[in-house]
Structures are given as structure tokens and as C-alpha cells.
Amino acid sequence: MFEGLKRIVAAIVAFFTALFGGGGKLPYVPISNATQTIVMHINPINGIRQFEGACCDGEYVYINMINPSKDSKQGSVIVKIDPSGDSWKSVLVSKEMTQLNHANDMTYDPRIDLLMVSNNAPNYTLVSAVYRDTLEYKAGMTIEHPLYSLCYYGTPEKGRYLAGISGTYTIGSYDGKFDTIETFEGVNSGYTRQSLATDNEYLYFLFSGPNCVYKYTIDGQYIGRSMLPDPEKADFEFEAEGIFFYNDKMYVTYNIPGAGNGGIICRVDKISFVK
């Protein structure tokens, strides 16, 4: 009888561990509390097919696409998109670049009128600058922390960078030269770290496996999270890659599994965050 009781207790513990997680992680919530609409599909460009970083300068949207490989010479292109009107359309595609590496995330800095790319693998401490008008590579700079995500917060005259530090869930705050202002400890979700965006009021971290968004205050206080539904019914799982804001609306980009499938951009029509 005692052994039977122990098995029952163990089963209950196992159930709640599976439901709420362990090791200090937040519970996995499989139910989505967001809705979204596909606004654009982008096919592979000369074999370059995998979505990575994304951002918006207030007028145009920029998507980084790479040809995934295990070396530092993986090719990448930036697609410049006009989101105005009834349909989104590509207006410029950069030449293939190898300087951006994995191009994991991207932001626009209005102070210097440049796109700033967080290279990530294999050059984790490298940030690259790209001209937004011509999409030509300008220069790279080595910084203190390895970064996987990057966004600009502030006004066109005064602001700072906020970023996710690779290999951690720590949030970094940096000045225009990427000197560290301060860091904040984020929540260990256990999910794959992808991208970061701000609406100039809050921070939004995008994760995949499962796809979800974590919301923070600018000073690193955790508010809550929202699980994202698949953009459409399919026999595969879309992989969330980039997040940005346009006209006060949140947008998320996804990879479509398969060498010839490219990716999609979705408008998040409704989202709510829970702890």
C-alpha cells in the first residue's frame, strides 16, 4: 500500500513538473493567445532561403536572408520591402554579402542613418553597419558582448541599443559605441533565442521551439509572454525568426521548412501577455 502511494505521489509530481517545468523555468503554455495574418511570402533568392534578422525604419521593412552553412562565408542578402498600400512588395535586394555571417538580428539607428546587424555565429562579438538606401556593406566593429539580438530605443536624436547576450537570457544596454551601460537578468525560458524589437515603450523578445514572445519593460522587468500560433494549418512547424513594428503593429517573420520554401511575414492582429 505504501509503495502504491509513493507511485501515485511520484506520478502527480511528474505531471506538474511536465506542466509547469523545472529548474527555474517558466511553465510551457501550449495554448496560443495571439492571432496573426500573413502579409507577404518571400521565395529563396539564388539559393539564399533562410530568414534571420528583421527591422523597420518607419517607412521600409528590411529582412535578412542567409544561405545556412557551418562556416563564416555563408552568403546573405537584405531585402528592402515597401509595406504601404494593399500589398507588400520588394523594392531592392542587396548583393550577396559574406560579411554579415549568420545575420541573426538587425535594427535601424536613425542617429547615423544605418542598419546595424548582429552577426552572431561565428563572429558573435561583431556588429556590422549597412547603408539602408543602397543596402551596401559599410563596416564592422568588434564589441564587448556576444549578441544574438539587437534593437534601437529612443528618439532620432538620442537613444541607445538594447540587446540579448548570446548563450544567456541577459539583456544588455549599450551606448552608440556599444560600450555597456548596464545589464539585466532575463527569464530563462529554455527556448531558442531569436530576435528583439521595441515599440519605444516595451521590449519584445522572440523565441522559437515553441514560437513565443516575451515582454519586458525597458529596464528589464519581465511582464509576461504570449505563445504564437502557426500562421496557417500545415503538417510542419514554422520557425519564428524576426520581430519588428510598423505603424504601431507587431510583425513576426517565419521560416518555412524546406530548401525551396523561403519564409513569410505576419502581422500580429491580437496579442496578450500572461505570466
C-alpha atoms as a PDB file:
ATOM      1  CA  MET A   1       0.000   0.000   0.000  1.00  0.00           C
ATOM      2  CA  PHE A   2       2.839   2.370   0.912  1.00  0.00           C
ATOM      3  CA  GLU A   3       4.637   1.629  -2.364  1.00  0.00           C
ATOM      4  CA  GLY A   4       1.415   2.246  -4.256  1.00  0.00           C
ATOM      5  CA  LEU A   5       1.004   5.606  -2.534  1.00  0.00           C
ATOM      6  CA  LYS A   6       4.573   6.556  -3.413  1.00  0.00           C
ATOM      7  CA  ARG A   7       3.905   5.752  -7.072  1.00  0.00           C
ATOM      8  CA  ILE A   8       0.782   7.916  -7.023  1.00  0.00           C
ATOM      9  CA  VAL A   9       2.686  10.819  -5.457  1.00  0.00           C
ATOM     10  CA  ALA A  10       5.530  10.388  -7.976  1.00  0.00           C
ATOM     11  CA  ALA A  11       3.038  10.426 -10.830  1.00  0.00           C
ATOM     12  CA  ILE A  12       1.457  13.637  -9.525  1.00  0.00           C
ATOM     13  CA  VAL A  13       4.882  15.276  -9.165  1.00  0.00           C
ATOM     14  CA  ALA A  14       5.853  14.185 -12.675  1.00  0.00           C
ATOM     15  CA  PHE A  15       2.610  15.587 -14.067  1.00  0.00           C
ATOM     16  CA  PHE A  16       3.084  19.016 -12.509  1.00  0.00           C
ATOM     17  CA  THR A  17       6.770  19.073 -13.430  1.00  0.00           C
ATOM     18  CA  ALA A  18       5.847  18.433 -17.062  1.00  0.00           C
ATOM     19  CA  LEU A  19       3.100  21.018 -16.884  1.00  0.00           C
ATOM     20  CA  PHE A  20       4.948  23.790 -15.065  1.00  0.00           C
ATOM     21  CA  GLY A  21       8.559  22.955 -15.802  1.00  0.00           C
ATOM     22  CA  GLY A  22      11.541  22.793 -13.504  1.00  0.00           C
ATOM     23  CA  GLY A  23      14.931  24.306 -12.956  1.00  0.00           C
ATOM     24  CA  GLY A  24      13.546  27.808 -12.513  1.00  0.00           C
ATOM     25  CA  LYS A  25      11.971  27.912 -15.985  1.00  0.00           C
ATOM     26  CA  LEU A  26       8.510  29.287 -16.581  1.00  0.00           C
ATOM     27  CA  PRO A  27       5.779  26.794 -17.488  1.00  0.00           C
ATOM     28  CA  TYR A  28       5.272  25.895 -21.110  1.00  0.00           C
ATOM     29  CA  VAL A  29       1.849  27.147 -22.180  1.00  0.00           C
ATOM     30  CA  PRO A  30       0.745  25.370 -25.357  1.00  0.00           C
ATOM     31  CA  ILE A  31      -2.406  27.468 -25.789  1.00  0.00           C
ATOM     32  CA  SER A  32      -1.900  30.487 -28.034  1.00  0.00           C
ATOM     33  CA  ASN A  33      -3.241  33.889 -27.008  1.00  0.00           C
ATOM     34  CA  ALA A  34      -2.443  35.673 -30.273  1.00  0.00           C
ATOM     35  CA  THR A  35      -3.767  35.848 -33.821  1.00  0.00           C
ATOM     36  CA  GLN A  36      -1.881  36.791 -36.977  1.00  0.00           C
ATOM     37  CA  THR A  37      -2.264  37.287 -40.712  1.00  0.00           C
ATOM     38  CA  ILE A  38       0.242  36.550 -43.478  1.00  0.00           C
ATOM     39  CA  VAL A  39       1.114  39.755 -45.372  1.00  0.00           C
ATOM     40  CA  MET A  40       3.972  38.569 -47.611  1.00  0.00           C
ATOM     41  CA  HIS A  41       5.798  35.459 -48.820  1.00  0.00           C
ATOM     42  CA  ILE A  42       9.423  35.680 -50.000  1.00  0.00           C
ATOM     43  CA  ASN A  43      10.911  32.924 -52.126  1.00  0.00           C
ATOM     44  CA  PRO A  44      14.600  31.928 -51.978  1.00  0.00           C
ATOM     45  CA  ILE A  45      16.947  34.303 -53.807  1.00  0.00           C
ATOM     46  CA  ASN A  46      19.700  32.482 -55.687  1.00  0.00           C
ATOM     47  CA  GLY A  47      19.560  29.699 -53.138  1.00  0.00           C
ATOM     48  CA  ILE A  48      19.549  32.083 -50.180  1.00  0.00           C
ATOM     49  CA  ARG A  49      16.460  30.985 -48.327  1.00  0.00           C
ATOM     50  CA  GLN A  50      16.596  31.236 -44.542  1.00  0.00           C
ATOM     51  CA  PHE A  51      15.104  34.258 -42.758  1.00  0.00           C
ATOM     52  CA  GLU A  52      17.140  35.783 -39.920  1.00  0.00           C
ATOM     53  CA  GLY A  53      17.089  39.405 -38.695  1.00  0.00           C
ATOM     54  CA  ALA A  54      14.325  41.919 -39.452  1.00  0.00           C
ATOM     55  CA  CYS A  55      13.641  45.583 -38.703  1.00  0.00           C
ATOM     56  CA  CYS A  56      11.766  48.675 -39.861  1.00  0.00           C
ATOM     57  CA  ASP A  57      12.913  52.292 -40.234  1.00  0.00           C
ATOM     58  CA  GLY A  58       9.356  53.615 -40.082  1.00  0.00           C
ATOM     59  CA  GLU A  59       8.981  53.616 -43.862  1.00  0.00           C
ATOM     60  CA  TYR A  60      10.569  50.412 -45.157  1.00  0.00           C
ATOM     61  CA  VAL A  61      10.970  46.901 -43.778  1.00  0.00           C
ATOM     62  CA  TYR A  62      14.275  45.019 -44.044  1.00  0.00           C
ATOM     63  CA  ILE A  63      14.630  41.235 -43.967  1.00  0.00           C
ATOM     64  CA  ASN A  64      17.964  39.440 -43.712  1.00  0.00           C
ATOM     65  CA  MET A  65      18.163  36.111 -45.552  1.00  0.00           C
ATOM     66  CA  ILE A  66      21.072  33.700 -45.427  1.00  0.00           C
ATOM     67  CA  ASN A  67      22.284  30.527 -47.080  1.00  0.00           C
ATOM     68  CA  PRO A  68      22.788  28.410 -43.964  1.00  0.00           C
ATOM     69  CA  SER A  69      26.226  26.850 -43.730  1.00  0.00           C
ATOM     70  CA  LYS A  70      28.685  25.977 -40.989  1.00  0.00           C
ATOM     71  CA  ASP A  71      31.422  28.390 -41.988  1.00  0.00           C
ATOM     72  CA  SER A  72      31.876  32.147 -41.829  1.00  0.00           C
ATOM     73  CA  LYS A  73      31.460  32.550 -45.590  1.00  0.00           C
ATOM     74  CA  GLN A  74      27.736  31.862 -45.696  1.00  0.00           C
ATOM     75  CA  GLY A  75      26.111  34.223 -48.159  1.00  0.00           C
ATOM     76  CA  SER A  76      23.375  36.635 -47.147  1.00  0.00           C
ATOM     77  CA  VAL A  77      21.162  39.269 -48.727  1.00  0.00           C
ATOM     78  CA  ILE A  78      18.977  42.030 -47.315  1.00  0.00           C
ATOM     79  CA  VAL A  79      15.551  42.525 -48.876  1.00  0.00           C
ATOM     80  CA  LYS A  80      14.083  46.031 -48.676  1.00  0.00           C
ATOM     81  CA  ILE A  81      10.278  45.990 -48.642  1.00  0.00           C
ATOM     82  CA  ASP A  82       7.638  48.675 -49.141  1.00  0.00           C
ATOM     83  CA  PRO A  83       4.813  47.792 -46.703  1.00  0.00           C
ATOM     84  CA  SER A  84       2.489  50.624 -47.765  1.00  0.00           C
ATOM     85  CA  GLY A  85      -0.609  50.055 -49.849  1.00  0.00           C
ATOM     86  CA  ASP A  86      -2.686  46.913 -50.184  1.00  0.00           C
ATOM     87  CA  SER A  87       0.218  44.522 -50.755  1.00  0.00           C
ATOM     88  CA  TRP A  88       3.792  44.428 -49.566  1.00  0.00           C
ATOM     89  CA  LYS A  89       6.422  44.439 -52.297  1.00  0.00           C
ATOM     90  CA  SER A  90      10.177  44.105 -52.566  1.00  0.00           C
ATOM     91  CA  VAL A  91      11.858  47.268 -53.873  1.00  0.00           C
ATOM     92  CA  LEU A  92      15.537  46.323 -53.557  1.00  0.00           C
ATOM     93  CA  VAL A  93      17.665  43.247 -52.903  1.00  0.00           C
ATOM     94  CA  SER A  94      21.280  43.691 -51.864  1.00  0.00           C
ATOM     95  CA  LYS A  95      24.218  41.993 -53.471  1.00  0.00           C
ATOM     96  CA  GLU A  96      25.215  38.779 -51.773  1.00  0.00           C
ATOM     97  CA  MET A  97      27.388  39.508 -48.735  1.00  0.00           C
ATOM     98  CA  THR A  98      29.575  37.272 -46.600  1.00  0.00           C
ATOM     99  CA  GLN A  99      30.474  39.987 -44.074  1.00  0.00           C
ATOM    100  CA  LEU A 100      27.210  39.596 -42.123  1.00  0.00           C
ATOM    101  CA  ASN A 101      27.762  35.932 -41.202  1.00  0.00           C
ATOM    102  CA  HIS A 102      24.578  34.476 -39.657  1.00  0.00           C
ATOM    103  CA  ALA A 103      22.934  37.945 -39.555  1.00  0.00           C
ATOM    104  CA  ASN A 104      20.837  36.891 -36.581  1.00  0.00           C
ATOM    105  CA  ASP A 105      19.163  40.245 -35.931  1.00  0.00           C
ATOM    106  CA  MET A 106      19.030  43.784 -37.278  1.00  0.00           C
ATOM    107  CA  THR A 107      17.902  47.278 -36.256  1.00  0.00           C
ATOM    108  CA  TYR A 108      17.818  50.794 -37.697  1.00  0.00           C
ATOM    109  CA  ASP A 109      19.780  53.564 -35.957  1.00  0.00           C
ATOM    110  CA  PRO A 110      18.340  56.961 -37.007  1.00  0.00           C
ATOM    111  CA  ARG A 111      21.225  58.871 -35.432  1.00  0.00           C
ATOM    112  CA  ILE A 112      23.622  57.568 -38.067  1.00  0.00           C
ATOM    113  CA  ASP A 113      21.046  56.509 -40.696  1.00  0.00           C
ATOM    114  CA  LEU A 114      22.392  52.953 -40.866  1.00  0.00           C
ATOM    115  CA  LEU A 115      21.128  49.412 -40.478  1.00  0.00           C
ATOM    116  CA  MET A 116      23.019  47.652 -37.692  1.00  0.00           C
ATOM    117  CA  VAL A 117      23.337  43.872 -37.922  1.00  0.00           C
ATOM    118  CA  SER A 118      24.186  41.496 -35.078  1.00  0.00           C
ATOM    119  CA  ASN A 119      26.393  38.990 -36.914  1.00  0.00           C
ATOM    120  CA  ASN A 120      26.145  36.192 -34.338  1.00  0.00           C
ATOM    121  CA  ALA A 121      27.741  32.880 -35.453  1.00  0.00           C
ATOM    122  CA  PRO A 122      30.631  32.503 -35.871  1.00  0.00           C
ATOM    123  CA  ASN A 123      31.666  36.116 -35.087  1.00  0.00           C
ATOM    124  CA  TYR A 124      29.460  36.638 -32.047  1.00  0.00           C
ATOM    125  CA  THR A 125      31.067  39.914 -30.952  1.00  0.00           C
ATOM    126  CA  LEU A 126      30.847  41.522 -34.389  1.00  0.00           C
ATOM    127  CA  VAL A 127      28.226  44.132 -35.357  1.00  0.00           C
ATOM    128  CA  SER A 128      28.022  45.302 -38.974  1.00  0.00           C
ATOM    129  CA  ALA A 129      26.747  48.552 -40.460  1.00  0.00           C
ATOM    130  CA  VAL A 130      24.837  48.613 -43.778  1.00  0.00           C
ATOM    131  CA  TYR A 131      23.606  51.620 -45.777  1.00  0.00           C
ATOM    132  CA  ARG A 132      19.806  51.454 -45.790  1.00  0.00           C
ATOM    133  CA  ASP A 133      19.399  53.232 -49.138  1.00  0.00           C
ATOM    134  CA  THR A 134      21.745  51.057 -51.191  1.00  0.00           C
ATOM    135  CA  LEU A 135      21.972  48.016 -48.858  1.00  0.00           C
ATOM    136  CA  GLU A 136      25.739  48.084 -49.268  1.00  0.00           C
ATOM    137  CA  TYR A 137      28.060  46.937 -46.520  1.00  0.00           C
ATOM    138  CA  LYS A 138      29.833  49.797 -44.706  1.00  0.00           C
ATOM    139  CA  ALA A 139      31.933  48.379 -41.856  1.00  0.00           C
ATOM    140  CA  GLY A 140      32.082  46.019 -38.907  1.00  0.00           C
ATOM    141  CA  MET A 141      33.057  46.626 -35.301  1.00  0.00           C
ATOM    142  CA  THR A 142      34.046  44.267 -32.514  1.00  0.00           C
ATOM    143  CA  ILE A 143      32.128  44.819 -29.268  1.00  0.00           C
ATOM    144  CA  GLU A 144      32.357  43.612 -25.669  1.00  0.00           C
ATOM    145  CA  HIS A 145      29.499  41.101 -25.520  1.00  0.00           C
ATOM    146  CA  PRO A 146      28.441  38.385 -27.976  1.00  0.00           C
ATOM    147  CA  LEU A 147      24.947  39.293 -29.173  1.00  0.00           C
ATOM    148  CA  TYR A 148      22.101  37.326 -30.715  1.00  0.00           C
ATOM    149  CA  SER A 149      19.531  40.142 -30.927  1.00  0.00           C
ATOM    150  CA  LEU A 150      19.589  43.916 -31.253  1.00  0.00           C
ATOM    151  CA  CYS A 151      17.239  46.909 -31.300  1.00  0.00           C
ATOM    152  CA  TYR A 152      17.474  50.704 -31.117  1.00  0.00           C
ATOM    153  CA  TYR A 153      15.472  52.506 -28.416  1.00  0.00           C
ATOM    154  CA  GLY A 154      14.942  56.267 -28.186  1.00  0.00           C
ATOM    155  CA  THR A 155      14.414  59.266 -30.422  1.00  0.00           C
ATOM    156  CA  PRO A 156      16.138  60.001 -33.764  1.00  0.00           C
ATOM    157  CA  GLU A 157      18.447  62.360 -31.847  1.00  0.00           C
ATOM    158  CA  LYS A 158      19.142  60.412 -28.672  1.00  0.00           C
ATOM    159  CA  GLY A 159      18.910  56.719 -27.914  1.00  0.00           C
ATOM    160  CA  ARG A 160      20.709  53.505 -27.072  1.00  0.00           C
ATOM    161  CA  TYR A 161      20.947  49.909 -28.151  1.00  0.00           C
ATOM    162  CA  LEU A 162      19.280  47.066 -26.281  1.00  0.00           C
ATOM    163  CA  ALA A 163      20.335  43.517 -26.993  1.00  0.00           C
ATOM    164  CA  GLY A 164      20.163  39.878 -25.990  1.00  0.00           C
ATOM    165  CA  ILE A 165      23.547  38.440 -24.968  1.00  0.00           C
ATOM    166  CA  SER A 166      24.339  35.135 -26.691  1.00  0.00           C
ATOM    167  CA  GLY A 167      24.307  31.978 -24.603  1.00  0.00           C
ATOM    168  CA  THR A 168      22.251  33.682 -21.880  1.00  0.00           C
ATOM    169  CA  TYR A 169      18.882  35.326 -21.284  1.00  0.00           C
ATOM    170  CA  THR A 170      20.625  38.502 -20.107  1.00  0.00           C
ATOM    171  CA  ILE A 171      19.606  41.868 -21.573  1.00  0.00           C
ATOM    172  CA  GLY A 172      22.327  44.411 -22.332  1.00  0.00           C
ATOM    173  CA  SER A 173      22.018  48.195 -22.690  1.00  0.00           C
ATOM    174  CA  TYR A 174      24.675  49.990 -24.791  1.00  0.00           C
ATOM    175  CA  ASP A 175      25.582  53.469 -25.955  1.00  0.00           C
ATOM    176  CA  GLY A 176      26.275  54.419 -29.571  1.00  0.00           C
ATOM    177  CA  LYS A 177      29.787  52.947 -29.402  1.00  0.00           C
ATOM    178  CA  PHE A 178      28.450  49.717 -27.868  1.00  0.00           C
ATOM    179  CA  ASP A 179      30.039  50.471 -24.528  1.00  0.00           C
ATOM    180  CA  THR A 180      27.972  48.761 -21.834  1.00  0.00           C
ATOM    181  CA  ILE A 181      25.605  50.977 -19.840  1.00  0.00           C
ATOM    182  CA  GLU A 182      24.067  48.191 -17.750  1.00  0.00           C
ATOM    183  CA  THR A 183      22.755  44.626 -17.954  1.00  0.00           C
ATOM    184  CA  PHE A 184      19.583  42.950 -16.666  1.00  0.00           C
ATOM    185  CA  GLU A 185      18.869  39.311 -15.907  1.00  0.00           C
ATOM    186  CA  GLY A 186      16.098  37.976 -18.128  1.00  0.00           C
ATOM    187  CA  VAL A 187      13.838  34.977 -17.656  1.00  0.00           C
ATOM    188  CA  ASN A 188      15.324  31.603 -18.607  1.00  0.00           C
ATOM    189  CA  SER A 189      12.640  30.368 -20.988  1.00  0.00           C
ATOM    190  CA  GLY A 190      14.674  27.426 -22.234  1.00  0.00           C
ATOM    191  CA  TYR A 191      13.586  28.273 -25.770  1.00  0.00           C
ATOM    192  CA  THR A 192      15.714  29.158 -28.808  1.00  0.00           C
ATOM    193  CA  ARG A 193      16.752  32.838 -28.732  1.00  0.00           C
ATOM    194  CA  GLN A 194      15.909  34.686 -31.947  1.00  0.00           C
ATOM    195  CA  SER A 195      15.141  38.398 -32.157  1.00  0.00           C
ATOM    196  CA  LEU A 196      14.312  41.607 -30.286  1.00  0.00           C
ATOM    197  CA  ALA A 197      12.176  44.667 -31.012  1.00  0.00           C
ATOM    198  CA  THR A 198      10.770  47.651 -29.169  1.00  0.00           C
ATOM    199  CA  ASP A 199       7.715  49.855 -29.635  1.00  0.00           C
ATOM    200  CA  ASN A 200       9.659  52.537 -27.709  1.00  0.00           C
ATOM    201  CA  GLU A 201       7.714  51.613 -24.587  1.00  0.00           C
ATOM    202  CA  TYR A 202       8.443  47.918 -24.024  1.00  0.00           C
ATOM    203  CA  LEU A 203      10.892  45.240 -25.161  1.00  0.00           C
ATOM    204  CA  TYR A 204       9.712  42.143 -27.017  1.00  0.00           C
ATOM    205  CA  PHE A 205      11.955  39.070 -27.246  1.00  0.00           C
ATOM    206  CA  LEU A 206      11.098  36.463 -29.870  1.00  0.00           C
ATOM    207  CA  PHE A 207      11.795  32.772 -29.272  1.00  0.00           C
ATOM    208  CA  SER A 208      11.163  29.577 -31.199  1.00  0.00           C
ATOM    209  CA  GLY A 209      10.627  25.952 -30.220  1.00  0.00           C
ATOM    210  CA  PRO A 210       7.834  26.829 -29.423  1.00  0.00           C
ATOM    211  CA  ASN A 211       7.246  30.211 -31.087  1.00  0.00           C
ATOM    212  CA  CYS A 212       6.527  32.863 -28.480  1.00  0.00           C
ATOM    213  CA  VAL A 213       7.117  36.496 -27.465  1.00  0.00           C
ATOM    214  CA  TYR A 214       8.344  37.629 -24.023  1.00  0.00           C
ATOM    215  CA  LYS A 215       7.539  41.194 -22.948  1.00  0.00           C
ATOM    216  CA  TYR A 216       9.736  43.354 -20.690  1.00  0.00           C
ATOM    217  CA  THR A 217       9.893  46.946 -19.540  1.00  0.00           C
ATOM    218  CA  ILE A 218      12.815  48.954 -20.921  1.00  0.00           C
ATOM    219  CA  ASP A 219      14.674  48.488 -17.632  1.00  0.00           C
ATOM    220  CA  GLY A 220      14.403  44.709 -17.848  1.00  0.00           C
ATOM    221  CA  GLN A 221      11.345  43.919 -15.709  1.00  0.00           C
ATOM    222  CA  TYR A 222       9.525  40.834 -17.001  1.00  0.00           C
ATOM    223  CA  ILE A 223       5.823  41.413 -17.782  1.00  0.00           C
ATOM    224  CA  GLY A 224       4.619  38.225 -19.426  1.00  0.00           C
ATOM    225  CA  ARG A 225       4.632  36.095 -22.546  1.00  0.00           C
ATOM    226  CA  SER A 226       2.398  35.092 -25.412  1.00  0.00           C
ATOM    227  CA  MET A 227       2.531  31.864 -27.388  1.00  0.00           C
ATOM    228  CA  LEU A 228       2.227  32.347 -31.154  1.00  0.00           C
ATOM    229  CA  PRO A 229       0.029  30.134 -33.322  1.00  0.00           C
ATOM    230  CA  ASP A 230       1.277  28.691 -36.605  1.00  0.00           C
ATOM    231  CA  PRO A 231       0.465  31.209 -39.360  1.00  0.00           C
ATOM    232  CA  GLU A 232      -1.594  28.595 -41.211  1.00  0.00           C
ATOM    233  CA  LYS A 233      -2.568  24.957 -40.849  1.00  0.00           C
ATOM    234  CA  ALA A 234       0.278  22.773 -42.067  1.00  0.00           C
ATOM    235  CA  ASP A 235       1.999  19.461 -41.456  1.00  0.00           C
ATOM    236  CA  PHE A 236       5.137  21.236 -40.239  1.00  0.00           C
ATOM    237  CA  GLU A 237       6.135  23.832 -37.690  1.00  0.00           C
ATOM    238  CA  PHE A 238       7.056  27.334 -38.821  1.00  0.00           C
ATOM    239  CA  GLU A 239      10.180  28.761 -37.174  1.00  0.00           C
ATOM    240  CA  ALA A 240       9.873  32.309 -35.815  1.00  0.00           C
ATOM    241  CA  GLU A 241      12.962  34.377 -36.724  1.00  0.00           C
ATOM    242  CA  GLY A 242      12.411  38.147 -36.701  1.00  0.00           C
ATOM    243  CA  ILE A 243      10.197  40.687 -34.944  1.00  0.00           C
ATOM    244  CA  PHE A 244       9.616  44.387 -35.686  1.00  0.00           C
ATOM    245  CA  PHE A 245       6.996  47.149 -35.518  1.00  0.00           C
ATOM    246  CA  TYR A 246       5.435  49.089 -38.386  1.00  0.00           C
ATOM    247  CA  ASN A 247       2.627  51.638 -37.902  1.00  0.00           C
ATOM    248  CA  ASP A 248       2.356  50.555 -34.241  1.00  0.00           C
ATOM    249  CA  LYS A 249       1.657  46.948 -35.260  1.00  0.00           C
ATOM    250  CA  MET A 250       3.840  43.991 -34.340  1.00  0.00           C
ATOM    251  CA  TYR A 251       5.116  41.771 -37.164  1.00  0.00           C
ATOM    252  CA  VAL A 252       6.842  38.389 -36.969  1.00  0.00           C
ATOM    253  CA  THR A 253       8.778  36.615 -39.720  1.00  0.00           C
ATOM    254  CA  TYR A 254       8.902  32.832 -40.087  1.00  0.00           C
ATOM    255  CA  ASN A 255      10.962  30.277 -41.952  1.00  0.00           C
ATOM    256  CA  ILE A 256       9.040  27.673 -43.920  1.00  0.00           C
ATOM    257  CA  PRO A 257      10.815  24.303 -43.609  1.00  0.00           C
ATOM    258  CA  GLY A 258      12.339  23.054 -46.854  1.00  0.00           C
ATOM    259  CA  ALA A 259      15.155  24.178 -49.124  1.00  0.00           C
ATOM    260  CA  GLY A 260      12.853  25.824 -51.651  1.00  0.00           C
ATOM    261  CA  ASN A 261      10.244  27.409 -49.410  1.00  0.00           C
ATOM    262  CA  GLY A 262      11.656  30.724 -48.183  1.00  0.00           C
ATOM    263  CA  GLY A 263       9.647  32.482 -45.489  1.00  0.00           C
ATOM    264  CA  ILE A 264       6.659  34.635 -44.624  1.00  0.00           C
ATOM    265  CA  ILE A 265       5.927  37.893 -42.815  1.00  0.00           C
ATOM    266  CA  CYS A 266       2.914  38.016 -40.492  1.00  0.00           C
ATOM    267  CA  ARG A 267       1.041  40.897 -38.894  1.00  0.00           C
ATOM    268  CA  VAL A 268       0.112  40.135 -35.290  1.00  0.00           C
ATOM    269  CA  ASP A 269      -3.502  41.246 -35.100  1.00  0.00           C
ATOM    270  CA  LYS A 270      -4.129  40.473 -31.436  1.00  0.00           C
ATOM    271  CA  ILE A 271      -1.792  39.543 -28.604  1.00  0.00           C
ATOM    272  CA  SER A 272      -1.973  39.370 -24.825  1.00  0.00           C
ATOM    273  CA  PHE A 273       0.689  38.503 -22.275  1.00  0.00           C
ATOM    274  CA  VAL A 274       0.410  36.325 -19.192  1.00  0.00           C
ATOM    275  CA  LYS A 275       2.957  35.311 -16.547  1.00  0.00           C
END
